[in-house]
Amino acid sequence: MKISVWDTYVKKEDGNTMHFDILVPTNVTDEQTIFNFGMHYLKTKSFKTNSLSANECRLCHIEQATEDMIISINANGYAIIEMENCN
């Protein structure tokens, strides 16, 4: 499965910047849908963050999904890779 990788940066209430990738199938192109996936992920966190918009979330590249990514996408419609300051 080919996936689109959306590089995402969001400010946390403590001033640090979270960096994570939102992974979606390449046929998912509606930005609002992708932002909603990111907001759903952010709601799972125990801390507050700023909102998510095109300024914080941009299409980065296309790649081949791993098995774990495919499992998450099949279950949720998307997958997340946590990069920095996500906990």
PDB file of N, CA and C in Angstrom:
ATOM      1  N   MET A   1       0.836  -1.178   0.000  1.00  0.00           N
ATOM      2  CA  MET A   1       0.000   0.000   0.000  1.00  0.00           C
ATOM      3  C   MET A   1       0.881   1.243   0.000  1.00  0.00           C
ATOM      4  N   LYS A   2       0.598   2.170  -0.894  1.00  0.00           N
ATOM      5  CA  LYS A   2       1.288   3.460  -0.912  1.00  0.00           C
ATOM      6  C   LYS A   2       0.546   4.410   0.017  1.00  0.00           C
ATOM      7  N   ILE A   3       1.317   5.173   0.791  1.00  0.00           N
ATOM      8  CA  ILE A   3       0.719   6.119   1.731  1.00  0.00           C
ATOM      9  C   ILE A   3       1.315   7.509   1.541  1.00  0.00           C
ATOM     10  N   SER A   4       0.513   8.508   1.881  1.00  0.00           N
ATOM     11  CA  SER A   4       0.976   9.891   1.924  1.00  0.00           C
ATOM     12  C   SER A   4       1.406  10.193   3.354  1.00  0.00           C
ATOM     13  N   VAL A   5       2.536  10.845   3.486  1.00  0.00           N
ATOM     14  CA  VAL A   5       3.076  11.214   4.793  1.00  0.00           C
ATOM     15  C   VAL A   5       2.897  12.719   4.961  1.00  0.00           C
ATOM     16  N   TRP A   6       2.124  13.097   5.988  1.00  0.00           N
ATOM     17  CA  TRP A   6       1.865  14.501   6.298  1.00  0.00           C
ATOM     18  C   TRP A   6       2.703  14.891   7.505  1.00  0.00           C
ATOM     19  N   ASP A   7       3.728  15.698   7.271  1.00  0.00           N
ATOM     20  CA  ASP A   7       4.656  16.154   8.303  1.00  0.00           C
ATOM     21  C   ASP A   7       3.941  17.209   9.149  1.00  0.00           C
ATOM     22  N   THR A   8       3.869  16.981  10.475  1.00  0.00           N
ATOM     23  CA  THR A   8       3.019  17.800  11.333  1.00  0.00           C
ATOM     24  C   THR A   8       3.779  18.301  12.553  1.00  0.00           C
ATOM     25  N   TYR A   9       3.618  19.599  12.841  1.00  0.00           N
ATOM     26  CA  TYR A   9       4.219  20.243  14.001  1.00  0.00           C
ATOM     27  C   TYR A   9       3.120  20.994  14.745  1.00  0.00           C
ATOM     28  N   VAL A  10       3.010  20.769  16.060  1.00  0.00           N
ATOM     29  CA  VAL A  10       1.986  21.430  16.865  1.00  0.00           C
ATOM     30  C   VAL A  10       2.605  21.866  18.185  1.00  0.00           C
ATOM     31  N   LYS A  11       2.350  23.106  18.589  1.00  0.00           N
ATOM     32  CA  LYS A  11       2.832  23.609  19.876  1.00  0.00           C
ATOM     33  C   LYS A  11       2.045  22.988  21.023  1.00  0.00           C
ATOM     34  N   LYS A  12       2.772  22.559  22.053  1.00  0.00           N
ATOM     35  CA  LYS A  12       2.170  22.053  23.284  1.00  0.00           C
ATOM     36  C   LYS A  12       2.009  23.211  24.264  1.00  0.00           C
ATOM     37  N   GLU A  13       1.162  23.011  25.279  1.00  0.00           N
ATOM     38  CA  GLU A  13       0.925  24.066  26.268  1.00  0.00           C
ATOM     39  C   GLU A  13       2.193  24.433  27.039  1.00  0.00           C
ATOM     40  N   ASP A  14       3.173  23.518  27.097  1.00  0.00           N
ATOM     41  CA  ASP A  14       4.429  23.814  27.804  1.00  0.00           C
ATOM     42  C   ASP A  14       5.435  24.559  26.924  1.00  0.00           C
ATOM     43  N   GLY A  15       5.047  24.877  25.679  1.00  0.00           N
ATOM     44  CA  GLY A  15       5.919  25.623  24.778  1.00  0.00           C
ATOM     45  C   GLY A  15       6.735  24.753  23.843  1.00  0.00           C
ATOM     46  N   ASN A  16       6.854  23.459  24.136  1.00  0.00           N
ATOM     47  CA  ASN A  16       7.570  22.557  23.241  1.00  0.00           C
ATOM     48  C   ASN A  16       6.732  22.293  21.989  1.00  0.00           C
ATOM     49  N   THR A  17       7.407  21.913  20.934  1.00  0.00           N
ATOM     50  CA  THR A  17       6.725  21.604  19.687  1.00  0.00           C
ATOM     51  C   THR A  17       6.709  20.106  19.464  1.00  0.00           C
ATOM     52  N   MET A  18       5.503  19.576  19.283  1.00  0.00           N
ATOM     53  CA  MET A  18       5.355  18.162  18.923  1.00  0.00           C
ATOM     54  C   MET A  18       5.645  18.021  17.441  1.00  0.00           C
ATOM     55  N   HIS A  19       6.266  16.931  17.065  1.00  0.00           N
ATOM     56  CA  HIS A  19       6.493  16.602  15.656  1.00  0.00           C
ATOM     57  C   HIS A  19       6.022  15.174  15.461  1.00  0.00           C
ATOM     58  N   PHE A  20       5.060  14.989  14.565  1.00  0.00           N
ATOM     59  CA  PHE A  20       4.579  13.655  14.240  1.00  0.00           C
ATOM     60  C   PHE A  20       4.138  13.626  12.790  1.00  0.00           C
ATOM     61  N   ASP A  21       4.054  12.428  12.245  1.00  0.00           N
ATOM     62  CA  ASP A  21       3.583  12.247  10.877  1.00  0.00           C
ATOM     63  C   ASP A  21       2.215  11.598  10.897  1.00  0.00           C
ATOM     64  N   ILE A  22       1.325  12.115  10.062  1.00  0.00           N
ATOM     65  CA  ILE A  22       0.019  11.502   9.840  1.00  0.00           C
ATOM     66  C   ILE A  22       0.132  10.736   8.532  1.00  0.00           C
ATOM     67  N   LEU A  23      -0.165   9.448   8.570  1.00  0.00           N
ATOM     68  CA  LEU A  23      -0.042   8.582   7.400  1.00  0.00           C
ATOM     69  C   LEU A  23      -1.428   8.178   6.932  1.00  0.00           C
ATOM     70  N   VAL A  24      -1.707   8.406   5.648  1.00  0.00           N
ATOM     71  CA  VAL A  24      -3.007   8.061   5.079  1.00  0.00           C
ATOM     72  C   VAL A  24      -2.795   7.407   3.722  1.00  0.00           C
ATOM     73  N   PRO A  25      -3.762   6.596   3.262  1.00  0.00           N
ATOM     74  CA  PRO A  25      -3.660   6.055   1.903  1.00  0.00           C
ATOM     75  C   PRO A  25      -3.579   7.209   0.906  1.00  0.00           C
ATOM     76  N   THR A  26      -2.903   6.997  -0.196  1.00  0.00           N
ATOM     77  CA  THR A  26      -2.708   8.072  -1.169  1.00  0.00           C
ATOM     78  C   THR A  26      -4.017   8.578  -1.779  1.00  0.00           C
ATOM     79  N   ASN A  27      -5.083   7.781  -1.707  1.00  0.00           N
ATOM     80  CA  ASN A  27      -6.353   8.246  -2.265  1.00  0.00           C
ATOM     81  C   ASN A  27      -7.087   9.197  -1.317  1.00  0.00           C
ATOM     82  N   VAL A  28      -6.595   9.363  -0.084  1.00  0.00           N
ATOM     83  CA  VAL A  28      -7.160  10.332   0.854  1.00  0.00           C
ATOM     84  C   VAL A  28      -6.409  11.643   0.642  1.00  0.00           C
ATOM     85  N   THR A  29      -7.098  12.611   0.035  1.00  0.00           N
ATOM     86  CA  THR A  29      -6.433  13.864  -0.321  1.00  0.00           C
ATOM     87  C   THR A  29      -7.093  15.093   0.301  1.00  0.00           C
ATOM     88  N   ASP A  30      -8.254  14.927   0.924  1.00  0.00           N
ATOM     89  CA  ASP A  30      -8.949  16.058   1.520  1.00  0.00           C
ATOM     90  C   ASP A  30      -8.222  16.513   2.783  1.00  0.00           C
ATOM     91  N   GLU A  31      -7.707  17.755   2.770  1.00  0.00           N
ATOM     92  CA  GLU A  31      -6.921  18.250   3.895  1.00  0.00           C
ATOM     93  C   GLU A  31      -7.714  18.234   5.196  1.00  0.00           C
ATOM     94  N   GLN A  32      -8.998  18.597   5.157  1.00  0.00           N
ATOM     95  CA  GLN A  32      -9.785  18.631   6.386  1.00  0.00           C
ATOM     96  C   GLN A  32      -9.899  17.244   7.008  1.00  0.00           C
ATOM     97  N   THR A  33     -10.034  16.222   6.183  1.00  0.00           N
ATOM     98  CA  THR A  33     -10.071  14.844   6.687  1.00  0.00           C
ATOM     99  C   THR A  33      -8.764  14.511   7.396  1.00  0.00           C
ATOM    100  N   ILE A  34      -7.658  14.891   6.794  1.00  0.00           N
ATOM    101  CA  ILE A  34      -6.341  14.607   7.376  1.00  0.00           C
ATOM    102  C   ILE A  34      -6.149  15.404   8.665  1.00  0.00           C
ATOM    103  N   PHE A  35      -6.569  16.674   8.677  1.00  0.00           N
ATOM    104  CA  PHE A  35      -6.491  17.474   9.903  1.00  0.00           C
ATOM    105  C   PHE A  35      -7.344  16.837  10.999  1.00  0.00           C
ATOM    106  N   ASN A  36      -8.523  16.322  10.635  1.00  0.00           N
ATOM    107  CA  ASN A  36      -9.389  15.660  11.619  1.00  0.00           C
ATOM    108  C   ASN A  36      -8.711  14.432  12.216  1.00  0.00           C
ATOM    109  N   PHE A  37      -7.983  13.676  11.386  1.00  0.00           N
ATOM    110  CA  PHE A  37      -7.224  12.543  11.910  1.00  0.00           C
ATOM    111  C   PHE A  37      -6.194  13.040  12.929  1.00  0.00           C
ATOM    112  N   GLY A  38      -5.501  14.124  12.590  1.00  0.00           N
ATOM    113  CA  GLY A  38      -4.514  14.691  13.506  1.00  0.00           C
ATOM    114  C   GLY A  38      -5.147  15.171  14.800  1.00  0.00           C
ATOM    115  N   MET A  39      -6.310  15.810  14.718  1.00  0.00           N
ATOM    116  CA  MET A  39      -7.005  16.280  15.916  1.00  0.00           C
ATOM    117  C   MET A  39      -7.470  15.096  16.770  1.00  0.00           C
ATOM    118  N   HIS A  40      -7.923  14.039  16.115  1.00  0.00           N
ATOM    119  CA  HIS A  40      -8.318  12.830  16.851  1.00  0.00           C
ATOM    120  C   HIS A  40      -7.125  12.280  17.634  1.00  0.00           C
ATOM    121  N   TYR A  41      -5.971  12.221  16.994  1.00  0.00           N
ATOM    122  CA  TYR A  41      -4.750  11.769  17.664  1.00  0.00           C
ATOM    123  C   TYR A  41      -4.409  12.692  18.840  1.00  0.00           C
ATOM    124  N   LEU A  42      -4.470  14.010  18.634  1.00  0.00           N
ATOM    125  CA  LEU A  42      -4.114  14.953  19.691  1.00  0.00           C
ATOM    126  C   LEU A  42      -5.029  14.814  20.906  1.00  0.00           C
ATOM    127  N   LYS A  43      -6.291  14.444  20.690  1.00  0.00           N
ATOM    128  CA  LYS A  43      -7.226  14.272  21.804  1.00  0.00           C
ATOM    129  C   LYS A  43      -6.853  13.087  22.695  1.00  0.00           C
ATOM    130  N   THR A  44      -5.996  12.192  22.203  1.00  0.00           N
ATOM    131  CA  THR A  44      -5.573  11.048  23.012  1.00  0.00           C
ATOM    132  C   THR A  44      -4.468  11.432  23.998  1.00  0.00           C
ATOM    133  N   LYS A  45      -3.935  12.635  23.852  1.00  0.00           N
ATOM    134  CA  LYS A  45      -2.834  13.085  24.706  1.00  0.00           C
ATOM    135  C   LYS A  45      -3.370  13.700  25.995  1.00  0.00           C
ATOM    136  N   SER A  46      -2.584  13.614  27.053  1.00  0.00           N
ATOM    137  CA  SER A  46      -3.005  14.119  28.364  1.00  0.00           C
ATOM    138  C   SER A  46      -2.715  15.611  28.528  1.00  0.00           C
ATOM    139  N   PHE A  47      -2.146  16.250  27.526  1.00  0.00           N
ATOM    140  CA  PHE A  47      -1.811  17.669  27.586  1.00  0.00           C
ATOM    141  C   PHE A  47      -2.531  18.414  26.471  1.00  0.00           C
ATOM    142  N   LYS A  48      -2.598  19.733  26.602  1.00  0.00           N
ATOM    143  CA  LYS A  48      -3.255  20.561  25.601  1.00  0.00           C
ATOM    144  C   LYS A  48      -2.259  20.997  24.535  1.00  0.00           C
ATOM    145  N   THR A  49      -2.799  21.215  23.328  1.00  0.00           N
ATOM    146  CA  THR A  49      -1.980  21.681  22.210  1.00  0.00           C
ATOM    147  C   THR A  49      -2.733  22.770  21.463  1.00  0.00           C
ATOM    148  N   ASN A  50      -2.016  23.469  20.596  1.00  0.00           N
ATOM    149  CA  ASN A  50      -2.653  24.410  19.684  1.00  0.00           C
ATOM    150  C   ASN A  50      -3.429  23.631  18.642  1.00  0.00           C
ATOM    151  N   SER A  51      -4.203  24.337  17.853  1.00  0.00           N
ATOM    152  CA  SER A  51      -4.977  23.683  16.798  1.00  0.00           C
ATOM    153  C   SER A  51      -4.079  23.266  15.643  1.00  0.00           C
ATOM    154  N   LEU A  52      -4.653  22.510  14.760  1.00  0.00           N
ATOM    155  CA  LEU A  52      -3.935  21.954  13.619  1.00  0.00           C
ATOM    156  C   LEU A  52      -4.473  22.603  12.346  1.00  0.00           C
ATOM    157  N   SER A  53      -3.576  23.069  11.485  1.00  0.00           N
ATOM    158  CA  SER A  53      -3.993  23.684  10.224  1.00  0.00           C
ATOM    159  C   SER A  53      -2.930  23.424   9.167  1.00  0.00           C
ATOM    160  N   ALA A  54      -3.154  23.975   7.993  1.00  0.00           N
ATOM    161  CA  ALA A  54      -2.196  23.794   6.898  1.00  0.00           C
ATOM    162  C   ALA A  54      -0.823  24.365   7.242  1.00  0.00           C
ATOM    163  N   ASN A  55      -0.764  25.315   8.178  1.00  0.00           N
ATOM    164  CA  ASN A  55       0.527  25.864   8.589  1.00  0.00           C
ATOM    165  C   ASN A  55       1.351  24.860   9.383  1.00  0.00           C
ATOM    166  N   GLU A  56       0.669  23.935  10.051  1.00  0.00           N
ATOM    167  CA  GLU A  56       1.353  22.948  10.890  1.00  0.00           C
ATOM    168  C   GLU A  56       1.459  21.576  10.244  1.00  0.00           C
ATOM    169  N   CYS A  57       0.670  21.322   9.220  1.00  0.00           N
ATOM    170  CA  CYS A  57       0.564  19.984   8.641  1.00  0.00           C
ATOM    171  C   CYS A  57       0.632  20.080   7.121  1.00  0.00           C
ATOM    172  N   ARG A  58       1.647  19.458   6.534  1.00  0.00           N
ATOM    173  CA  ARG A  58       1.833  19.532   5.078  1.00  0.00           C
ATOM    174  C   ARG A  58       2.226  18.169   4.515  1.00  0.00           C
ATOM    175  N   LEU A  59       1.743  17.928   3.306  1.00  0.00           N
ATOM    176  CA  LEU A  59       2.138  16.709   2.598  1.00  0.00           C
ATOM    177  C   LEU A  59       3.640  16.754   2.384  1.00  0.00           C
ATOM    178  N   CYS A  60       4.296  15.697   2.789  1.00  0.00           N
ATOM    179  CA  CYS A  60       5.758  15.641   2.699  1.00  0.00           C
ATOM    180  C   CYS A  60       6.200  14.741   1.547  1.00  0.00           C
ATOM    181  N   HIS A  61       5.727  13.484   1.542  1.00  0.00           N
ATOM    182  CA  HIS A  61       6.130  12.553   0.505  1.00  0.00           C
ATOM    183  C   HIS A  61       5.215  11.333   0.501  1.00  0.00           C
ATOM    184  N   ILE A  62       5.430  10.463  -0.472  1.00  0.00           N
ATOM    185  CA  ILE A  62       4.711   9.198  -0.618  1.00  0.00           C
ATOM    186  C   ILE A  62       5.715   8.081  -0.352  1.00  0.00           C
ATOM    187  N   GLU A  63       5.263   7.058   0.378  1.00  0.00           N
ATOM    188  CA  GLU A  63       6.138   5.913   0.622  1.00  0.00           C
ATOM    189  C   GLU A  63       5.323   4.632   0.713  1.00  0.00           C
ATOM    190  N   GLN A  64       6.022   3.524   0.790  1.00  0.00           N
ATOM    191  CA  GLN A  64       5.387   2.218   0.952  1.00  0.00           C
ATOM    192  C   GLN A  64       5.110   1.984   2.427  1.00  0.00           C
ATOM    193  N   ALA A  65       3.890   1.593   2.764  1.00  0.00           N
ATOM    194  CA  ALA A  65       3.509   1.355   4.160  1.00  0.00           C
ATOM    195  C   ALA A  65       4.108   0.052   4.669  1.00  0.00           C
ATOM    196  N   THR A  66       4.445   0.055   5.953  1.00  0.00           N
ATOM    197  CA  THR A  66       4.864  -1.179   6.619  1.00  0.00           C
ATOM    198  C   THR A  66       3.604  -1.938   7.050  1.00  0.00           C
ATOM    199  N   GLU A  67       3.773  -3.165   7.516  1.00  0.00           N
ATOM    200  CA  GLU A  67       2.643  -3.969   7.973  1.00  0.00           C
ATOM    201  C   GLU A  67       1.918  -3.298   9.148  1.00  0.00           C
ATOM    202  N   ASP A  68       2.684  -2.736  10.104  1.00  0.00           N
ATOM    203  CA  ASP A  68       2.071  -2.056  11.248  1.00  0.00           C
ATOM    204  C   ASP A  68       1.266  -0.835  10.806  1.00  0.00           C
ATOM    205  N   MET A  69       1.779  -0.088   9.851  1.00  0.00           N
ATOM    206  CA  MET A  69       1.045   1.072   9.328  1.00  0.00           C
ATOM    207  C   MET A  69      -0.263   0.627   8.682  1.00  0.00           C
ATOM    208  N   ILE A  70      -0.208  -0.436   7.896  1.00  0.00           N
ATOM    209  CA  ILE A  70      -1.408  -0.943   7.216  1.00  0.00           C
ATOM    210  C   ILE A  70      -2.461  -1.376   8.232  1.00  0.00           C
ATOM    211  N   ILE A  71      -2.031  -2.037   9.298  1.00  0.00           N
ATOM    212  CA  ILE A  71      -2.967  -2.478  10.340  1.00  0.00           C
ATOM    213  C   ILE A  71      -3.669  -1.263  10.957  1.00  0.00           C
ATOM    214  N   SER A  72      -2.915  -0.233  11.301  1.00  0.00           N
ATOM    215  CA  SER A  72      -3.499   0.971  11.889  1.00  0.00           C
ATOM    216  C   SER A  72      -4.420   1.688  10.902  1.00  0.00           C
ATOM    217  N   ILE A  73      -4.006   1.795   9.661  1.00  0.00           N
ATOM    218  CA  ILE A  73      -4.833   2.459   8.645  1.00  0.00           C
ATOM    219  C   ILE A  73      -6.126   1.687   8.425  1.00  0.00           C
ATOM    220  N   ASN A  74      -6.051   0.379   8.375  1.00  0.00           N
ATOM    221  CA  ASN A  74      -7.262  -0.429   8.195  1.00  0.00           C
ATOM    222  C   ASN A  74      -8.210  -0.284   9.387  1.00  0.00           C
ATOM    223  N   ALA A  75      -7.662  -0.133  10.590  1.00  0.00           N
ATOM    224  CA  ALA A  75      -8.486  -0.011  11.788  1.00  0.00           C
ATOM    225  C   ALA A  75      -9.042   1.395  11.988  1.00  0.00           C
ATOM    226  N   ASN A  76      -8.241   2.427  11.661  1.00  0.00           N
ATOM    227  CA  ASN A  76      -8.585   3.807  12.021  1.00  0.00           C
ATOM    228  C   ASN A  76      -8.729   4.762  10.844  1.00  0.00           C
ATOM    229  N   GLY A  77      -8.260   4.364   9.675  1.00  0.00           N
ATOM    230  CA  GLY A  77      -8.249   5.266   8.528  1.00  0.00           C
ATOM    231  C   GLY A  77      -6.936   6.005   8.380  1.00  0.00           C
ATOM    232  N   TYR A  78      -6.101   5.947   9.418  1.00  0.00           N
ATOM    233  CA  TYR A  78      -4.819   6.641   9.411  1.00  0.00           C
ATOM    234  C   TYR A  78      -3.865   5.953  10.388  1.00  0.00           C
ATOM    235  N   ALA A  79      -2.599   6.349  10.321  1.00  0.00           N
ATOM    236  CA  ALA A  79      -1.597   5.916  11.300  1.00  0.00           C
ATOM    237  C   ALA A  79      -0.782   7.141  11.695  1.00  0.00           C
ATOM    238  N   ILE A  80      -0.140   7.065  12.828  1.00  0.00           N
ATOM    239  CA  ILE A  80       0.702   8.151  13.341  1.00  0.00           C
ATOM    240  C   ILE A  80       2.092   7.606  13.626  1.00  0.00           C
ATOM    241  N   ILE A  81       3.098   8.377  13.246  1.00  0.00           N
ATOM    242  CA  ILE A  81       4.473   8.111  13.684  1.00  0.00           C
ATOM    243  C   ILE A  81       4.870   9.290  14.564  1.00  0.00           C
ATOM    244  N   GLU A  82       5.135   9.011  15.830  1.00  0.00           N
ATOM    245  CA  GLU A  82       5.582  10.043  16.756  1.00  0.00           C
ATOM    246  C   GLU A  82       7.066  10.280  16.561  1.00  0.00           C
ATOM    247  N   MET A  83       7.433  11.548  16.370  1.00  0.00           N
ATOM    248  CA  MET A  83       8.828  11.896  16.092  1.00  0.00           C
ATOM    249  C   MET A  83       9.499  12.592  17.290  1.00  0.00           C
ATOM    250  N   GLU A  84       8.906  13.711  17.772  1.00  0.00           N
ATOM    251  CA  GLU A  84       9.520  14.476  18.848  1.00  0.00           C
ATOM    252  C   GLU A  84       8.455  15.051  19.792  1.00  0.00           C
ATOM    253  N   ASN A  85       8.743  15.044  21.078  1.00  0.00           N
ATOM    254  CA  ASN A  85       7.918  15.698  22.109  1.00  0.00           C
ATOM    255  C   ASN A  85       6.444  15.300  22.080  1.00  0.00           C
ATOM    256  N   CYS A  86       6.182  14.042  21.817  1.00  0.00           N
ATOM    257  CA  CYS A  86       4.793  13.566  21.702  1.00  0.00           C
ATOM    258  C   CYS A  86       4.256  12.990  23.011  1.00  0.00           C
ATOM    259  N   ASN A  87       5.067  12.950  24.035  1.00  0.00           N
ATOM    260  CA  ASN A  87       4.625  12.431  25.329  1.00  0.00           C
ATOM    261  C   ASN A  87       4.857  13.439  26.417  1.00  0.00           C
TER     262      ASN A  87
END
